[in-house]
Protein backbone atom coordinates (compact mmCIF):
# COMPACT_ATOMS: atom_id res chain seq x y z
CA MET A 1 213.86 141.75 191.66
CA LEU A 2 214.52 137.95 192.93
CA PRO A 3 212.28 136.38 190.96
CA ALA A 4 213.63 137.81 187.53
CA THR A 5 216.72 136.13 189.07
CA LEU A 6 215.37 133.15 189.63
CA SER A 7 213.44 133.41 185.55
CA VAL A 8 217.42 133.71 184.70
CA CYS A 9 218.58 130.86 186.33
CA THR A 10 216.29 128.78 185.72
CA ASP A 11 217.38 128.98 181.49
CA MET A 12 220.94 127.93 182.98
CA THR A 13 222.20 124.59 183.14
CA ASP A 14 223.31 124.58 186.34
CA VAL A 15 221.42 124.40 189.36
CA ASP A 16 223.66 125.74 192.38
CA TRP A 17 223.11 129.45 191.23
CA GLY A 18 219.63 128.47 191.85
CA LYS A 19 220.64 127.49 195.07
CA GLU A 20 222.98 130.31 195.87
CA ILE A 21 219.93 132.81 195.81
CA HIS A 22 217.34 130.31 197.04
CA GLY A 23 220.61 130.05 200.58
CA PHE A 24 220.30 134.09 200.09
CA VAL A 25 216.22 134.23 200.17
CA VAL A 26 216.21 132.44 203.97
CA LYS A 27 218.87 134.51 205.07
CA GLY A 28 217.28 137.76 203.35
CA GLY A 29 214.05 137.13 205.81
CA TYR A 30 212.35 136.88 202.26
CA ASP A 31 211.33 133.60 202.20
CA ASP A 32 207.54 134.31 203.57
CA TYR A 33 206.85 136.44 199.65
CA LEU A 34 204.98 133.96 197.88
CA TYR A 35 206.04 135.46 194.57
CA VAL A 36 209.64 134.33 195.07
CA LYS A 37 208.76 130.60 196.58
CA ASN A 38 206.57 130.45 193.35
CA ALA A 39 209.56 131.43 191.21
CA LEU A 40 211.65 128.57 193.03
CA ILE A 41 209.40 126.46 192.22
CA GLY A 42 209.94 126.82 188.50
CA THR A 43 213.53 127.14 188.92
CA TYR A 44 214.19 123.91 190.61
CA GLY A 45 211.65 122.31 188.52
CA LYS A 46 212.88 123.46 185.10
CA ARG A 47 216.38 121.48 186.18
CA GLN A 48 214.86 118.54 187.56
CA HIS A 49 215.18 119.17 191.05
CA LEU A 50 212.03 118.03 191.86
CA GLY A 51 212.49 116.71 195.64
CA ASP A 52 213.68 120.83 196.07
CA ALA A 53 210.82 121.91 194.40
CA HIS A 54 208.12 119.62 196.40
CA LYS A 55 210.04 120.63 199.74
CA VAL A 56 209.53 124.37 198.33
CA PHE A 57 205.92 124.30 197.74
CA LEU A 58 205.28 122.50 201.27
CA ASP A 59 206.74 125.09 202.84
CA ILE A 60 204.16 127.48 201.27
CA LYS A 61 201.04 128.33 204.01
CA ASN A 62 199.11 130.06 201.82
CA LYS A 63 199.42 128.03 198.13
CA ASN A 64 198.50 130.32 195.21
CA LEU A 65 197.33 129.42 191.66
CA VAL A 66 200.74 129.97 190.25
CA SER A 67 201.83 127.56 193.47
CA TRP A 68 200.38 124.32 191.73
CA ASN A 69 200.85 125.15 188.39
CA ALA A 70 204.36 125.27 188.79
CA LEU A 71 204.16 122.13 190.43
CA ILE A 72 202.17 120.17 188.45
CA SER A 73 204.51 121.35 185.37
CA SER A 74 207.45 121.07 187.06
CA TYR A 75 206.48 117.55 187.44
CA ALA A 76 204.79 116.92 183.33
CA GLU A 77 208.35 118.60 181.98
CA SER A 78 210.16 116.55 183.38
CA GLY A 79 208.39 113.50 182.31
CA LEU A 80 207.06 112.57 185.91
CA CYS A 81 202.91 112.29 184.27
CA GLU A 82 202.07 110.26 187.12
CA GLU A 83 202.99 112.31 189.78
CA ALA A 84 201.58 115.42 187.84
CA TYR A 85 198.03 114.42 187.61
CA ALA A 86 198.44 113.12 191.05
CA ALA A 87 199.27 116.87 192.41
CA PHE A 88 196.53 118.14 189.96
CA LEU A 89 194.19 116.06 191.76
CA GLN A 90 195.21 117.67 194.91
CA MET A 91 194.47 120.51 194.11
CA GLU A 92 190.54 119.63 192.64
CA LYS A 93 190.40 118.13 195.79
CA SER A 94 190.75 120.67 197.58
CA CYS A 95 188.82 122.66 196.25
CA LYS A 96 185.81 120.53 196.64
CA ASP A 97 186.05 119.60 199.64
CA GLY A 98 186.47 123.47 200.61
CA LEU A 99 190.38 123.80 201.81
CA SER A 100 191.37 126.10 198.88
CA PRO A 101 188.81 128.14 196.42
CA MET A 102 191.25 127.63 194.09
CA ARG A 103 190.44 125.12 190.27
CA PRO A 104 192.59 123.76 187.83
CA ASN A 105 192.81 126.56 185.16
CA VAL A 106 194.05 126.14 181.85
CA ILE A 107 197.39 126.32 182.55
CA SER A 108 197.17 123.18 185.32
CA TRP A 109 194.93 121.22 182.61
CA SER A 110 197.36 121.83 179.94
CA ALA A 111 200.65 120.73 181.71
CA VAL A 112 198.90 117.08 183.13
CA ILE A 113 197.51 116.91 179.06
CA ASN A 114 200.85 117.39 177.51
CA GLY A 115 202.29 115.25 180.23
CA PHE A 116 200.67 112.25 178.94
CA ALA A 117 200.85 113.24 175.68
CA SER A 118 204.69 113.42 175.61
CA LYS A 119 205.01 110.22 177.77
CA GLY A 120 203.09 108.01 175.33
CA PHE A 121 199.34 108.48 176.44
CA GLY A 122 197.59 109.22 174.31
CA GLU A 123 194.04 107.88 174.81
CA LYS A 124 194.83 109.16 178.80
CA SER A 125 195.34 113.07 177.25
CA LEU A 126 192.15 112.62 175.30
CA GLU A 127 190.37 111.57 178.42
CA LEU A 128 191.38 114.52 180.31
CA PHE A 129 190.25 116.72 177.74
CA ARG A 130 187.05 115.15 177.65
CA GLN A 131 187.18 116.40 181.62
CA MET A 132 188.44 119.64 180.74
CA GLN A 133 185.47 120.28 178.50
CA LEU A 134 182.99 118.72 180.78
CA ALA A 135 184.86 121.66 183.52
CA LYS A 136 183.64 124.04 181.34
CA VAL A 137 187.72 125.07 180.97
CA MET A 138 188.37 126.56 177.61
CA ALA A 139 191.16 124.95 175.83
CA ASN A 140 193.71 127.83 174.65
CA CYS A 141 196.25 126.81 171.56
CA VAL A 142 199.32 124.84 173.88
CA THR A 143 196.78 122.38 174.87
CA ILE A 144 194.84 121.91 171.15
CA SER A 145 198.70 121.87 169.69
CA SER A 146 199.81 119.03 171.80
CA LEU A 147 196.15 117.26 171.71
CA LEU A 148 196.24 117.59 167.80
CA SER A 149 200.02 115.85 167.95
CA VAL A 150 198.02 113.47 169.70
CA CYS A 151 195.60 112.74 167.52
CA ALA A 152 197.87 112.40 164.91
CA GLU A 153 200.04 110.21 166.35
CA LEU A 154 196.61 107.19 166.59
CA ALA A 155 195.30 108.97 163.50
CA ALA A 156 192.16 109.64 165.25
CA LEU A 157 190.58 112.03 162.30
CA ASN A 158 187.71 112.45 163.60
CA VAL A 159 189.19 113.54 167.22
CA GLY A 160 190.84 115.61 165.13
CA ARG A 161 188.86 117.50 162.83
CA GLU A 162 186.30 117.77 165.85
CA LEU A 163 189.76 119.96 167.67
CA HIS A 164 189.90 122.22 164.45
CA GLY A 165 186.32 122.92 164.49
CA HIS A 166 186.81 123.82 168.59
CA ALA A 167 190.37 125.96 167.46
CA ILE A 168 187.61 127.92 165.00
CA ARG A 169 185.23 128.76 167.07
CA ASN A 170 187.25 130.17 169.75
CA LEU A 171 189.51 132.04 167.01
CA VAL A 172 193.00 130.79 167.23
CA GLY A 173 192.38 128.59 164.36
CA ASP A 174 195.12 131.26 162.60
CA ASN A 175 197.32 130.69 165.64
CA ILE A 176 200.41 128.98 164.31
CA LEU A 177 201.55 126.55 166.37
CA VAL A 178 197.86 125.37 166.31
CA GLY A 179 197.86 125.25 161.90
CA ASN A 180 200.63 123.39 162.10
CA GLY A 181 199.36 120.68 164.31
CA LEU A 182 196.36 120.95 162.50
CA ILE A 183 198.65 120.23 158.96
CA ASN A 184 200.67 117.68 160.95
CA MET A 185 197.20 115.98 161.94
CA TYR A 186 195.28 115.79 158.35
CA MET A 187 198.62 114.97 156.63
CA LYS A 188 199.05 111.94 158.88
CA CYS A 189 196.20 110.83 158.96
CA GLY A 190 195.91 110.82 155.31
CA SER A 191 193.08 113.66 154.80
CA PHE A 192 195.42 115.55 151.99
CA LYS A 193 192.77 117.65 151.20
CA GLU A 194 192.22 119.48 154.34
CA GLY A 195 195.47 119.05 155.26
CA HIS A 196 196.59 121.24 152.05
CA LEU A 197 193.83 123.46 152.86
CA VAL A 198 194.86 124.08 156.51
CA PHE A 199 198.30 124.98 154.66
CA ASP A 200 197.29 127.58 151.72
CA ASN A 201 194.99 129.59 154.53
CA LEU A 202 197.74 129.67 157.00
CA LYS A 203 199.40 133.40 157.51
CA GLY A 204 202.63 133.48 158.22
CA ARG A 205 203.57 129.83 157.12
CA ASP A 206 207.01 128.84 158.49
CA LEU A 207 209.53 126.24 157.67
CA ILE A 208 207.33 123.17 160.24
CA SER A 209 204.32 123.89 158.22
CA TRP A 210 206.50 122.60 155.25
CA ASN A 211 207.98 120.04 157.04
CA SER A 212 204.88 119.03 158.61
CA LEU A 213 203.14 118.83 154.46
CA ILE A 214 206.40 117.03 152.87
CA GLY A 215 206.90 114.18 156.12
CA GLY A 216 202.92 114.00 155.53
CA TYR A 217 202.81 113.08 151.77
CA GLY A 218 206.66 111.31 152.56
CA MET A 219 204.84 108.71 155.19
CA HIS A 220 201.91 107.75 152.70
CA GLY A 221 204.72 106.76 149.89
CA LEU A 222 203.56 109.77 147.98
CA GLY A 223 207.29 110.56 146.95
CA ASP A 224 206.74 112.63 143.64
CA ASN A 225 204.31 115.26 145.69
CA ALA A 226 206.56 115.13 148.05
CA LEU A 227 209.49 116.45 146.05
CA ILE A 228 207.23 118.46 144.08
CA ARG A 229 206.65 120.49 147.84
CA PHE A 230 210.51 120.52 148.99
CA ASP A 231 211.10 122.94 145.64
CA GLU A 232 207.80 124.87 145.87
CA MET A 233 209.73 124.91 149.78
CA ILE A 234 213.12 126.33 148.07
CA ARG A 235 211.62 128.80 145.94
CA ALA A 236 209.22 129.98 148.19
CA GLY A 237 212.62 131.55 150.24
CA MET A 238 212.54 129.19 152.97
CA LYS A 239 215.87 127.21 153.31
CA PRO A 240 216.08 123.59 154.98
CA ASP A 241 217.27 122.19 157.62
CA ASN A 242 218.13 118.63 159.13
CA VAL A 243 214.57 118.11 160.07
CA SER A 244 213.61 119.40 156.24
CA PHE A 245 216.79 116.66 154.96
CA VAL A 246 215.53 113.77 156.75
CA ALA A 247 211.82 113.82 156.04
CA ILE A 248 213.00 114.72 152.87
CA LEU A 249 215.45 111.99 152.57
CA SER A 250 213.09 109.26 153.88
CA VAL A 251 210.75 110.04 150.79
CA CYS A 252 213.42 109.15 148.56
CA SER A 253 214.29 106.30 150.69
CA HIS A 254 210.27 104.55 151.15
CA ALA A 255 209.43 105.94 147.13
CA GLY A 256 212.73 104.27 145.45
CA LEU A 257 214.06 107.18 144.20
CA VAL A 258 217.43 106.74 144.28
CA ALA A 259 218.80 109.10 142.29
CA ALA A 260 216.91 112.38 143.72
CA GLY A 261 217.94 111.35 147.46
CA ARG A 262 221.06 111.46 146.19
CA ASN A 263 220.82 114.55 144.73
CA ILE A 264 219.19 116.05 147.98
CA PHE A 265 222.01 114.70 150.55
CA TYR A 266 224.81 116.34 147.94
CA GLN A 267 223.20 119.24 148.76
CA MET A 268 223.04 120.17 152.10
CA THR A 269 226.44 120.42 152.28
CA ARG A 270 227.24 122.34 148.42
CA LYS A 271 223.82 124.39 148.15
CA PHE A 272 222.71 125.04 151.36
CA ARG A 273 225.68 124.13 153.87
CA ILE A 274 224.28 122.00 156.77
CA GLU A 275 226.85 119.40 157.14
CA PRO A 276 225.00 115.91 157.21
CA ASN A 277 224.46 114.12 161.04
CA VAL A 278 223.79 110.56 161.18
CA GLU A 279 219.44 110.52 160.67
CA HIS A 280 220.74 111.90 157.46
CA TYR A 281 223.65 108.98 156.80
CA ALA A 282 221.04 106.96 158.19
CA CYS A 283 218.34 107.90 155.65
CA MET A 284 221.32 107.14 152.57
CA VAL A 285 222.26 103.78 154.05
CA ASP A 286 218.10 103.28 154.00
CA LEU A 287 217.59 104.22 150.23
CA LEU A 288 220.63 102.87 148.62
CA GLY A 289 219.87 99.17 151.36
CA ARG A 290 216.47 99.25 149.60
CA ALA A 291 216.84 99.77 146.11
CA GLY A 292 219.61 96.24 146.66
CA LEU A 293 222.45 98.58 146.13
CA LEU A 294 224.47 96.40 149.22
CA LYS A 295 228.33 96.94 147.97
CA GLU A 296 227.25 100.85 147.67
CA ALA A 297 225.06 100.91 151.17
CA THR A 298 227.55 99.23 152.86
CA ASP A 299 230.71 100.91 151.24
CA PHE A 300 228.96 104.51 152.81
CA VAL A 301 229.10 103.62 155.78
CA ARG A 302 232.56 102.45 156.14
CA ASN A 303 233.20 105.83 154.35
CA MET A 304 231.20 108.11 156.99
CA PRO A 305 233.29 110.91 158.84
CA ILE A 306 230.90 110.19 162.38
CA GLU A 307 230.41 106.81 163.93
CA PRO A 308 227.55 104.88 162.52
CA ASN A 309 225.18 104.19 165.04
CA GLU A 310 222.46 101.46 165.79
CA TYR A 311 220.15 103.33 162.71
CA VAL A 312 222.76 103.06 160.39
CA TRP A 313 223.73 99.74 160.91
CA GLY A 314 219.74 98.73 161.71
CA ALA A 315 218.78 100.40 158.17
CA LEU A 316 222.19 98.11 156.78
CA LEU A 317 220.78 95.16 158.50
CA ASN A 318 216.96 95.84 157.08
CA SER A 319 218.33 95.73 153.32
CA CYS A 320 220.53 92.14 154.13
CA ARG A 321 217.46 90.87 155.41
CA MET A 322 215.15 92.28 152.13
CA TYR A 323 217.54 90.74 149.69
CA LYS A 324 219.30 87.78 151.69
CA ASP A 325 222.83 89.01 151.55
CA MET A 326 224.43 86.46 155.09
CA ASP A 327 227.79 87.85 154.08
CA ILE A 328 227.01 91.59 154.95
CA VAL A 329 224.59 90.90 157.40
CA GLN A 330 228.00 88.94 159.33
CA GLU A 331 229.87 92.38 160.06
CA THR A 332 226.93 93.96 160.25
CA ALA A 333 226.13 91.33 163.00
CA SER A 334 229.28 92.33 164.94
CA GLN A 335 228.80 96.04 164.83
CA ILE A 336 225.29 95.46 166.30
CA LEU A 337 225.80 93.28 169.25
CA THR A 338 228.99 95.63 170.75
CA LEU A 339 226.86 98.44 170.88
CA LYS A 340 225.56 100.04 173.88
CA SER A 341 222.16 100.83 173.07
CA LYS A 342 219.07 99.87 174.31
CA ILE A 343 216.89 99.85 171.15
CA THR A 344 216.08 96.47 170.39
CA GLY A 345 214.74 96.60 166.94
CA SER A 346 218.24 95.37 165.56
CA ILE A 347 218.69 92.88 167.70
CA MET A 348 215.28 91.07 167.43
CA LEU A 349 216.08 91.60 163.57
CA LEU A 350 218.96 90.15 163.25
CA SER A 351 217.33 87.44 165.42
CA ASN A 352 215.07 86.50 162.87
CA ILE A 353 217.61 86.63 160.00
CA TYR A 354 219.12 84.14 161.80
CA ALA A 355 216.18 82.13 162.42
CA ALA A 356 214.95 82.65 158.31
CA ASN A 357 218.11 80.91 157.73
CA GLY A 358 218.03 77.87 159.66
CA ARG A 359 220.64 79.17 162.37
CA TRP A 360 218.88 78.76 165.04
CA ASP A 361 221.71 78.18 167.36
CA ASP A 362 222.75 81.69 166.85
CA SER A 363 219.35 83.11 166.50
CA ALA A 364 218.85 81.97 170.68
CA LYS A 365 222.39 83.14 171.60
CA VAL A 366 220.89 86.96 170.15
CA ARG A 367 218.47 87.00 172.19
CA VAL A 368 220.28 85.82 175.70
CA SER A 369 222.64 88.19 175.16
CA ALA A 370 219.15 90.95 174.88
CA ARG A 371 218.05 89.73 177.81
CA THR A 372 221.49 89.52 179.67
CA LYS A 373 221.76 93.16 178.72
CA GLY A 374 218.16 93.71 180.00
CA LEU A 375 216.81 94.55 176.92
CA LYS A 376 213.31 94.00 175.90
CA LYS A 377 211.40 94.29 173.22
CA ILE A 378 208.75 97.29 172.75
CA PRO A 379 205.09 95.54 172.02
CA GLY A 380 203.83 96.60 168.71
CA GLN A 381 200.46 98.57 168.80
CA SER A 382 197.72 99.28 166.22
CA TRP A 383 195.16 102.08 166.72
CA ILE A 384 191.13 102.11 165.44
CA GLU A 385 188.95 104.91 165.92
CA VAL A 386 185.19 104.11 166.10
CA ARG A 387 182.59 106.72 166.84
CA LYS A 388 185.23 109.07 168.35
CA LYS A 389 186.90 106.39 170.10
CA VAL A 390 189.89 105.18 169.94
CA TYR A 391 190.45 101.95 170.53
CA THR A 392 193.92 100.82 171.08
CA PHE A 393 195.65 96.85 170.84
CA SER A 394 199.00 96.17 171.81
CA ALA A 395 200.84 92.46 170.36
CA GLY A 396 200.40 89.70 173.61
CA ASN A 397 198.13 92.10 175.90
CA SER A 398 194.38 89.70 174.68
CA VAL A 399 192.79 91.03 177.57
CA HIS A 400 190.70 93.38 175.46
CA LEU A 401 187.20 94.06 175.90
CA GLY A 402 185.40 92.73 172.29
CA LEU A 403 188.90 90.92 171.79
CA ASP A 404 186.66 87.62 171.34
CA GLU A 405 184.06 89.19 168.40
CA VAL A 406 187.43 90.30 166.64
CA TYR A 407 188.64 86.91 166.91
CA VAL A 408 185.55 85.38 165.36
CA ILE A 409 185.84 87.44 162.30
CA LEU A 410 189.55 87.01 162.01
CA GLU A 411 188.75 83.18 161.62
CA GLU A 412 185.37 84.18 159.29
CA LEU A 413 188.00 86.05 157.21
CA ALA A 414 190.37 83.80 157.17
CA LEU A 415 187.85 80.83 155.83
CA HIS A 416 186.82 83.41 152.75
CA MET A 417 190.63 83.68 151.72
CA ALA A 418 191.51 80.21 151.95
CA SER A 419 188.25 79.27 149.92
CA ASP A 420 189.11 81.62 147.24
CA ASN A 421 192.87 80.46 146.76
CA HIS A 422 194.13 82.99 148.89
CA LYS A 423 197.19 81.46 150.87
CA GLY A 424 195.60 80.97 154.46
CA ASP A 425 198.61 81.29 156.71
CA SER A 426 197.85 81.01 160.64
CA TRP A 427 199.14 84.59 161.06
CA PHE A 428 195.63 84.87 161.93
CA SER A 429 195.30 82.63 164.87
CA GLN A 430 194.73 83.72 168.36
CA GLU A 431 198.49 81.59 168.93
CA PHE A 432 200.13 83.93 166.69
CA VAL A 433 198.60 87.50 168.50
CA TYR A 434 199.84 85.52 172.40
CA ASP A 435 203.22 85.07 170.66
CA GLN A 436 203.50 88.73 170.04
């Protein structure tokens, strides 16, 4: 009865009920019941009361696999992937030292892999998957789905194909979670034929399947293909959701399909009864701005029924940069500088616009303002996959194995470009890379 009650408390927003039942457990003499303690770890962990979860874990005299997994999952789901991994290693060490018969199982591995993946440490997730294979632990649908998301973000097509083979061999290729992960991975990696093949063979396709297909075409600039799939989705009886409309409006924006974008935006409310949120408005501002319709984009922002956020103003500002409209920049700048946001993209873009127009003092003031607010630009990254290993290059990070050889090749390419009458700017130089 108590574990079931705690399970209900886990789904509630207020942790006080869980604490009240914890008090009842102690007073009633149930605190020696292992399954009750394990349920308490999960309850505290779900509500991110990790100190309480860890304290309950330490109080357990004879911990079982569920105890360890509850603690590891609590840390991982709270975004504390290092702490989750530390608990995982402690469990592994206890087994190796003979202090405990439990060794990490698929739930333990999946928790730490997903924890690192959700925090953007994709390479670490892939490394852990290799270790999981060496430990002869078979990945389940959750593990494979998490890793496919990593492959999609890193454009690690070969590793994604390997996971596809792994899924087929373990008879989980038809699972909707894995299938959607495969569609997303193939489409984002630009392997449209394989993505479509998985989509066509997937039984019980859902809205995520369609959204992954549409979004994949969109991010590669294939607007017409995405619109065709969007129409097919509606004819198939699927009702688009908020994510669907963000995806298709982004497609129209990047492909310059202004008329189609306008029509879809108005269909949201008139046909599908979906109220646009700030993301949809940002897409429309970007659509109009990229097409050079700056006045219409500005009026659109002014007439929004909800408060514009940094993404809306950022989209308008980027359009001003493209079309060199300093009048709208001034109005947009005042809005961006008053926003209480930790996102630096728009502020750095504003500084660069001022610098490009010779307004060095204004550019410096914007950057000083960003530093005063404690804002820091996130370095850009790029990835390349060589022999099933993903290499990451970060702007400003010159410490990388083999980077000297990369610079030599870049310099050779620069010389070839110069000899072919291309504009050989200094952006190939090491100074540029270090400065970013």
